[in-house]
Amino acid sequence: MDDLISRQETIEAIESRTYRHTYLDQIVGIIKDLPTAQQWIPCSERMPEKPGKYLVTVKNGNVYAGTFDVISGKFQCAATAWMQLPEPWRGEGHG
């Protein structure tokens, strides 16, 4: 969420200038098109809505692929935060 706020603040700061160069419009376009960075979601704030594998971090800072069970509402490990797994890499010819 902080990433989105910082991005929006940057866009507003650039757009609020009375004297702008053409390249500033291009910069605003680039910032708006940047993919949103994934953020860690503390388990104390909320848990996933769907069962499955997620990237989790535990108290000692290690990161794992953990399985979430919606029936129990817990991960199979003592996760402190989680995020969606990224899409798998698709090499050439795997389209």
Protein backbone atom coordinates (compact mmCIF):
# COMPACT_ATOMS: atom_id res chain seq x y z
CA MET A 1 0.00 0.00 0.00
CA ASP A 2 2.87 2.39 0.78
CA ASP A 3 4.17 1.77 -2.74
CA LEU A 4 0.85 2.94 -4.22
CA ILE A 5 0.74 6.00 -1.95
CA SER A 6 4.30 6.99 -2.85
CA ARG A 7 3.57 6.48 -6.53
CA GLN A 8 0.40 8.60 -6.33
CA GLU A 9 2.20 11.35 -4.38
CA THR A 10 4.94 11.43 -7.03
CA ILE A 11 2.39 11.69 -9.83
CA GLU A 12 0.51 14.49 -8.05
CA ALA A 13 3.73 16.38 -7.34
CA ILE A 14 4.73 16.23 -11.01
CA GLU A 15 1.24 17.13 -12.26
CA SER A 16 0.92 20.10 -9.88
CA ARG A 17 3.87 21.99 -11.41
CA THR A 18 2.81 24.95 -13.53
CA TYR A 19 5.95 24.74 -15.67
CA ARG A 20 6.43 21.24 -17.10
CA HIS A 21 8.55 19.77 -19.81
CA THR A 22 7.19 17.20 -22.23
CA TYR A 23 9.35 14.47 -20.68
CA LEU A 24 7.51 14.90 -17.35
CA ASP A 25 4.32 13.70 -19.05
CA GLN A 26 6.25 10.65 -20.21
CA ILE A 27 7.56 10.04 -16.68
CA VAL A 28 4.01 10.20 -15.28
CA GLY A 29 2.93 7.65 -17.90
CA ILE A 30 5.79 5.33 -16.99
CA ILE A 31 5.03 5.56 -13.25
CA LYS A 32 1.33 4.83 -13.84
CA ASP A 33 2.22 1.79 -15.97
CA LEU A 34 4.68 0.26 -13.49
CA PRO A 35 3.47 -3.03 -12.07
CA THR A 36 2.39 -2.86 -8.44
CA ALA A 37 4.99 -4.45 -6.20
CA GLN A 38 3.75 -7.30 -4.10
CA GLN A 39 3.53 -6.49 -0.43
CA TRP A 40 3.81 -8.71 2.62
CA ILE A 41 0.47 -8.99 4.42
CA PRO A 42 0.79 -9.57 8.17
CA CYS A 43 -1.24 -12.58 9.31
CA SER A 44 -2.49 -10.42 12.20
CA GLU A 45 -4.20 -8.13 9.62
CA ARG A 46 -5.82 -10.77 7.43
CA MET A 47 -5.45 -14.23 6.01
CA PRO A 48 -5.90 -15.40 2.40
CA GLU A 49 -9.44 -15.91 1.15
CA LYS A 50 -8.60 -19.02 -0.88
CA PRO A 51 -6.80 -22.25 0.01
CA GLY A 52 -3.47 -22.96 -1.65
CA LYS A 53 0.23 -22.21 -1.63
CA TYR A 54 1.52 -18.76 -0.66
CA LEU A 55 4.89 -17.22 0.04
CA VAL A 56 5.17 -16.96 3.83
CA THR A 57 7.69 -15.60 6.27
CA VAL A 58 8.14 -16.90 9.82
CA LYS A 59 9.45 -15.31 13.05
CA ASN A 60 13.12 -16.03 12.33
CA GLY A 61 12.83 -14.30 8.94
CA ASN A 62 12.98 -17.42 6.77
CA VAL A 63 10.73 -17.48 3.72
CA TYR A 64 8.85 -20.58 2.57
CA ALA A 65 6.08 -21.66 0.23
CA GLY A 66 3.35 -22.43 2.76
CA THR A 67 -0.05 -24.04 2.34
CA PHE A 68 -3.11 -22.21 3.67
CA ASP A 69 -6.21 -24.13 4.77
CA VAL A 70 -9.42 -22.07 4.76
CA ILE A 71 -11.27 -24.53 7.00
CA SER A 72 -8.81 -24.09 9.87
CA GLY A 73 -7.95 -20.54 8.81
CA LYS A 74 -4.25 -21.28 9.29
CA PHE A 75 -1.06 -22.00 7.42
CA GLN A 76 0.60 -25.37 8.02
CA CYS A 77 3.56 -23.43 9.51
CA ALA A 78 3.79 -20.55 12.01
CA ALA A 79 3.60 -17.82 9.35
CA THR A 80 3.82 -14.19 10.44
CA ALA A 81 3.14 -12.68 6.98
CA TRP A 82 2.20 -13.88 3.51
CA MET A 83 1.89 -12.86 -0.13
CA GLN A 84 0.75 -14.41 -3.39
CA LEU A 85 3.26 -16.59 -5.19
CA PRO A 86 4.50 -15.02 -8.42
CA GLU A 87 3.52 -16.53 -11.74
CA PRO A 88 5.90 -19.34 -12.75
CA TRP A 89 8.57 -18.51 -15.28
CA ARG A 90 7.71 -19.58 -18.81
CA GLY A 91 10.85 -20.23 -20.81
CA GLU A 92 11.12 -19.87 -24.55
CA GLY A 93 8.66 -22.09 -26.35
CA HIS A 94 6.42 -22.48 -23.31
CA GLY A 95 4.19 -19.66 -24.29
